[in-house]
Amino acid sequence: MTQDPDATLRHQINELVEEEHRLERAHVGQALDGEEKSRLDALGVELDRLWDLLRQREARRRAGLSVDDAEERSARVVEGYQQ
């Protein structure tokens, strides 16, 4: 049985958020070392990419378009969005 792609994306997002929180909790009141800071930054970028893909799928679904045509965008594209 194949799992729903949106559910898979949400699961991946939750896993990354949990890792992010574990890393942050382990260093309350302390600075992260270089490797940990790099990992935290990478987690943030990957979360942004997965959220972007999930939003694309939801927008395509609402518009009556194929959700399967949504594509994960590069970190450069996603991180370049204006907030």
Protein backbone atom coordinates (compact mmCIF):
# COMPACT_ATOMS: atom_id res chain seq x y z
CA MET A 1 0.00 0.00 0.00
CA THR A 2 1.44 3.35 -1.08
CA GLN A 3 1.30 6.20 1.41
CA ASP A 4 -0.22 9.54 0.44
CA PRO A 5 2.59 11.83 -0.84
CA ASP A 6 1.27 14.74 1.25
CA ALA A 7 1.33 12.56 4.37
CA THR A 8 4.89 11.54 3.52
CA LEU A 9 5.88 15.21 3.20
CA ARG A 10 4.24 16.04 6.52
CA HIS A 11 6.04 13.12 8.16
CA GLN A 12 9.40 14.31 6.77
CA ILE A 13 8.66 17.84 8.01
CA ASN A 14 7.79 16.55 11.48
CA GLU A 15 10.99 14.47 11.62
CA LEU A 16 13.13 17.49 10.68
CA VAL A 17 11.33 19.74 13.17
CA GLU A 18 11.92 17.17 15.93
CA GLU A 19 15.63 17.04 15.06
CA GLU A 20 15.78 20.83 15.03
CA HIS A 21 14.13 21.00 18.46
CA ARG A 22 16.43 18.30 19.91
CA LEU A 23 19.47 20.22 18.72
CA GLU A 24 18.18 23.50 20.15
CA ARG A 25 17.17 21.93 23.50
CA ALA A 26 20.58 20.31 23.87
CA HIS A 27 22.17 23.77 23.77
CA VAL A 28 19.88 25.98 25.81
CA GLY A 29 22.08 28.80 27.11
CA GLN A 30 25.07 27.57 25.08
CA ALA A 31 26.35 28.42 21.66
CA LEU A 32 26.24 25.75 18.97
CA ASP A 33 29.58 24.61 17.58
CA GLY A 34 30.26 25.06 13.87
CA GLU A 35 29.03 21.61 12.86
CA GLU A 36 25.83 21.96 14.87
CA LYS A 37 25.19 25.44 13.48
CA SER A 38 25.67 24.09 9.95
CA ARG A 39 23.24 21.25 10.66
CA LEU A 40 20.66 23.65 12.11
CA ASP A 41 20.98 25.87 9.04
CA ALA A 42 20.64 22.84 6.73
CA LEU A 43 17.54 21.71 8.62
CA GLY A 44 15.98 25.14 8.14
CA VAL A 45 16.65 25.10 4.40
CA GLU A 46 15.30 21.57 3.97
CA LEU A 47 12.18 22.47 5.98
CA ASP A 48 11.62 25.50 3.75
CA ARG A 49 11.93 23.31 0.64
CA LEU A 50 9.49 20.70 1.94
CA TRP A 51 6.95 23.32 3.08
CA ASP A 52 7.23 24.96 -0.34
CA LEU A 53 6.53 21.65 -2.07
CA LEU A 54 3.56 20.93 0.19
CA ARG A 55 2.14 24.42 -0.48
CA GLN A 56 2.61 23.93 -4.23
CA ARG A 57 0.70 20.65 -4.06
CA GLU A 58 -2.11 22.24 -2.06
CA ALA A 59 -2.34 25.21 -4.44
CA ARG A 60 -2.42 22.93 -7.49
CA ARG A 61 -5.12 20.80 -5.86
CA ARG A 62 -7.27 23.89 -5.15
CA ALA A 63 -6.78 25.06 -8.74
CA GLY A 64 -7.86 21.69 -10.12
CA LEU A 65 -4.39 20.94 -11.49
CA SER A 66 -2.31 17.79 -11.07
CA VAL A 67 -0.47 17.78 -7.75
CA ASP A 68 2.06 15.42 -9.30
CA ASP A 69 3.42 18.30 -11.40
CA ALA A 70 4.60 20.13 -8.27
CA GLU A 71 8.38 19.99 -8.00
CA GLU A 72 10.77 20.48 -5.14
CA ARG A 73 12.57 23.73 -5.79
CA SER A 74 16.24 24.37 -5.16
CA ALA A 75 17.43 25.88 -1.90
CA ARG A 76 18.55 28.98 -3.83
CA VAL A 77 15.04 29.55 -5.16
CA VAL A 78 13.19 28.84 -1.93
CA GLU A 79 15.59 30.81 0.26
CA GLY A 80 15.31 33.77 -2.15
CA TYR A 81 11.58 34.24 -1.51
CA GLN A 82 10.50 37.46 0.14
CA GLN A 83 8.82 36.96 3.50
